[in-house]
């Protein structure tokens, strides 16, 4: 199924992952795209289960002001 809206993140973005219980799982990197139902989802690294994608609603940019340059 295709997602119903444009993706918030691109490959290489650094994101903060908060799990379904509200626990901050820390900084991760987007490495791929998926969908769960009609919601955007992403593969992230590092993770113990690389075959498991994470819903967009559980991710936010790590530091939006620094996303433009990886050298900062």
N, C-alpha and C. Protein backbone atom coordinates (compact mmCIF):
# COMPACT_ATOMS: atom_id res chain seq x y z
N UNK A 1 0.84 -1.18 0.00
CA UNK A 1 0.00 0.00 0.00
C UNK A 1 0.89 1.25 0.00
N UNK A 2 0.50 2.25 -0.77
CA UNK A 2 1.29 3.48 -0.84
C UNK A 2 0.89 4.42 0.28
N UNK A 3 1.87 5.19 0.80
CA UNK A 3 1.54 6.16 1.85
C UNK A 3 0.64 7.27 1.29
N UNK A 4 -0.11 7.90 2.18
CA UNK A 4 -1.07 8.92 1.76
C UNK A 4 -0.48 10.32 1.75
N UNK A 5 0.75 10.49 2.24
CA UNK A 5 1.35 11.82 2.26
C UNK A 5 2.84 11.74 1.95
N UNK A 6 3.42 12.89 1.66
CA UNK A 6 4.84 12.96 1.35
C UNK A 6 5.67 12.60 2.57
N UNK A 7 6.82 11.99 2.34
CA UNK A 7 7.71 11.59 3.43
C UNK A 7 8.36 12.79 4.09
N UNK A 8 8.51 12.71 5.43
CA UNK A 8 9.18 13.77 6.20
C UNK A 8 10.69 13.66 6.14
N UNK A 9 11.21 12.44 5.95
CA UNK A 9 12.65 12.20 6.06
C UNK A 9 13.19 11.62 4.77
N UNK A 10 14.50 11.82 4.58
CA UNK A 10 15.18 11.23 3.43
C UNK A 10 16.32 10.34 3.94
N UNK A 11 16.82 9.49 3.07
CA UNK A 11 17.93 8.62 3.46
C UNK A 11 19.11 9.49 3.89
N UNK A 12 19.71 9.11 5.03
CA UNK A 12 20.83 9.84 5.59
C UNK A 12 20.44 10.81 6.70
N UNK A 13 19.14 11.14 6.82
CA UNK A 13 18.72 12.03 7.91
C UNK A 13 18.96 11.37 9.25
N UNK A 14 19.35 12.18 10.21
CA UNK A 14 19.49 11.69 11.59
C UNK A 14 18.21 12.03 12.33
N UNK A 15 17.66 11.02 13.01
CA UNK A 15 16.37 11.17 13.68
C UNK A 15 16.45 10.69 15.12
N UNK A 16 15.51 11.17 15.93
CA UNK A 16 15.31 10.65 17.28
C UNK A 16 14.16 9.67 17.21
N UNK A 17 14.37 8.46 17.70
CA UNK A 17 13.34 7.42 17.70
C UNK A 17 12.75 7.31 19.09
N UNK A 18 11.44 7.47 19.19
CA UNK A 18 10.71 7.25 20.42
C UNK A 18 9.81 6.04 20.19
N UNK A 19 9.96 5.01 21.03
CA UNK A 19 9.19 3.78 20.79
C UNK A 19 7.72 3.97 21.17
N UNK A 20 6.92 2.96 20.94
CA UNK A 20 5.49 3.03 21.20
C UNK A 20 5.11 3.25 22.65
N UNK A 21 6.05 3.02 23.58
CA UNK A 21 5.81 3.25 25.01
C UNK A 21 6.31 4.62 25.46
N UNK A 22 6.77 5.45 24.51
CA UNK A 22 7.23 6.79 24.85
C UNK A 22 8.68 6.85 25.32
N UNK A 23 9.43 5.76 25.16
CA UNK A 23 10.83 5.74 25.59
C UNK A 23 11.72 6.23 24.44
N UNK A 24 12.55 7.23 24.74
CA UNK A 24 13.49 7.76 23.75
C UNK A 24 14.57 6.71 23.52
N UNK A 25 14.65 6.20 22.29
CA UNK A 25 15.62 5.17 21.95
C UNK A 25 16.90 5.76 21.37
N UNK A 26 16.96 7.08 21.26
CA UNK A 26 18.18 7.75 20.85
C UNK A 26 18.25 8.08 19.37
N UNK A 27 19.44 8.46 18.99
CA UNK A 27 19.74 8.94 17.64
C UNK A 27 19.94 7.78 16.68
N UNK A 28 19.31 7.88 15.52
CA UNK A 28 19.41 6.86 14.48
C UNK A 28 19.55 7.55 13.13
N UNK A 29 19.90 6.76 12.10
CA UNK A 29 20.02 7.27 10.74
C UNK A 29 19.03 6.54 9.84
N UNK A 30 18.32 7.28 9.00
CA UNK A 30 17.40 6.69 8.03
C UNK A 30 18.21 5.99 6.95
N UNK A 31 17.91 4.69 6.72
CA UNK A 31 18.64 3.94 5.68
C UNK A 31 17.72 3.36 4.61
N UNK A 32 16.39 3.47 4.78
CA UNK A 32 15.47 2.94 3.78
C UNK A 32 14.04 3.31 4.08
N UNK A 33 13.16 3.02 3.10
CA UNK A 33 11.75 3.39 3.19
C UNK A 33 10.86 2.15 3.21
N UNK A 34 9.69 2.31 3.85
CA UNK A 34 8.69 1.25 3.92
C UNK A 34 7.35 1.93 4.15
N UNK A 35 6.28 1.16 4.17
CA UNK A 35 4.97 1.64 4.61
C UNK A 35 4.38 0.59 5.55
N UNK A 36 3.62 1.06 6.52
CA UNK A 36 2.86 0.20 7.42
C UNK A 36 1.42 0.65 7.29
N UNK A 37 0.59 -0.19 6.69
CA UNK A 37 -0.76 0.24 6.35
C UNK A 37 -0.64 1.35 5.31
N UNK A 38 -1.16 2.53 5.62
CA UNK A 38 -0.96 3.67 4.72
C UNK A 38 -0.11 4.76 5.37
N UNK A 39 0.69 4.38 6.38
CA UNK A 39 1.59 5.32 7.05
C UNK A 39 3.02 5.10 6.56
N UNK A 40 3.73 6.21 6.34
CA UNK A 40 5.14 6.12 6.01
C UNK A 40 5.90 5.46 7.16
N UNK A 41 6.90 4.67 6.79
CA UNK A 41 7.76 4.02 7.78
C UNK A 41 9.18 4.01 7.21
N UNK A 42 10.15 3.77 8.09
CA UNK A 42 11.55 3.87 7.70
C UNK A 42 12.37 2.75 8.34
N UNK A 43 13.39 2.35 7.63
CA UNK A 43 14.42 1.48 8.20
C UNK A 43 15.49 2.39 8.76
N UNK A 44 15.93 2.07 9.98
CA UNK A 44 16.92 2.92 10.66
C UNK A 44 18.12 2.09 11.08
N UNK A 45 19.20 2.79 11.36
CA UNK A 45 20.44 2.15 11.81
C UNK A 45 21.08 3.03 12.86
N UNK A 46 21.63 2.52 13.92
CA UNK A 46 21.68 1.11 14.29
C UNK A 46 20.38 0.65 14.95
N UNK A 47 20.09 -0.63 14.78
CA UNK A 47 18.92 -1.26 15.40
C UNK A 47 19.19 -2.77 15.45
N UNK A 48 18.69 -3.45 16.46
CA UNK A 48 18.89 -4.89 16.61
C UNK A 48 18.04 -5.70 15.63
N UNK A 49 17.00 -5.07 15.08
CA UNK A 49 16.10 -5.77 14.15
C UNK A 49 16.02 -4.98 12.84
N UNK A 50 17.03 -5.09 11.98
CA UNK A 50 17.09 -4.27 10.76
C UNK A 50 15.98 -4.56 9.76
N UNK A 51 15.26 -5.65 9.91
CA UNK A 51 14.15 -5.98 9.02
C UNK A 51 12.85 -5.31 9.47
N UNK A 52 12.87 -4.64 10.61
CA UNK A 52 11.68 -4.05 11.21
C UNK A 52 11.69 -2.54 10.95
N UNK A 53 10.68 -2.02 10.25
CA UNK A 53 10.61 -0.59 9.98
C UNK A 53 9.88 0.14 11.11
N UNK A 54 10.17 1.44 11.21
CA UNK A 54 9.63 2.29 12.28
C UNK A 54 8.68 3.31 11.67
N UNK A 55 7.50 3.45 12.27
CA UNK A 55 6.50 4.41 11.77
C UNK A 55 7.04 5.85 11.85
N UNK A 56 6.65 6.64 10.85
CA UNK A 56 7.06 8.04 10.81
C UNK A 56 6.64 8.79 12.07
N UNK A 57 5.50 8.43 12.63
CA UNK A 57 4.99 9.11 13.83
C UNK A 57 5.88 8.88 15.06
N UNK A 58 6.79 7.90 15.00
CA UNK A 58 7.70 7.63 16.11
C UNK A 58 9.08 8.25 15.90
N UNK A 59 9.21 9.05 14.86
CA UNK A 59 10.51 9.65 14.53
C UNK A 59 10.39 11.17 14.44
N UNK A 60 11.48 11.87 14.79
CA UNK A 60 11.57 13.31 14.55
C UNK A 60 13.02 13.64 14.24
N UNK A 61 13.25 14.72 13.49
CA UNK A 61 14.62 15.09 13.17
C UNK A 61 15.42 15.28 14.44
N UNK A 62 16.65 14.78 14.44
CA UNK A 62 17.51 14.90 15.62
C UNK A 62 17.82 16.35 15.92
N UNK A 63 18.26 17.09 14.91
CA UNK A 63 18.56 18.51 15.08
C UNK A 63 18.31 19.17 13.74
N UNK A 64 17.07 19.63 13.50
CA UNK A 64 16.70 20.14 12.19
C UNK A 64 17.64 21.22 11.66
N UNK A 65 18.18 22.05 12.52
CA UNK A 65 19.05 23.15 12.04
C UNK A 65 20.38 22.64 11.51
N UNK A 66 20.78 21.41 11.87
CA UNK A 66 22.05 20.86 11.42
C UNK A 66 21.90 19.81 10.32
N UNK A 67 20.68 19.56 9.84
CA UNK A 67 20.47 18.54 8.83
C UNK A 67 21.05 18.91 7.47
N UNK A 68 21.26 20.19 7.21
CA UNK A 68 21.76 20.59 5.90
C UNK A 68 23.21 20.20 5.68
N UNK A 69 24.01 20.12 6.74
CA UNK A 69 25.43 19.81 6.59
C UNK A 69 25.85 18.75 7.59
N UNK A 70 26.43 17.67 7.09
CA UNK A 70 26.90 16.60 7.97
C UNK A 70 28.23 16.98 8.62
N UNK A 71 28.88 18.05 8.17
CA UNK A 71 30.20 18.43 8.69
C UNK A 71 30.13 19.30 9.92
N UNK A 72 28.94 19.73 10.34
CA UNK A 72 28.82 20.58 11.53
C UNK A 72 29.11 19.83 12.79
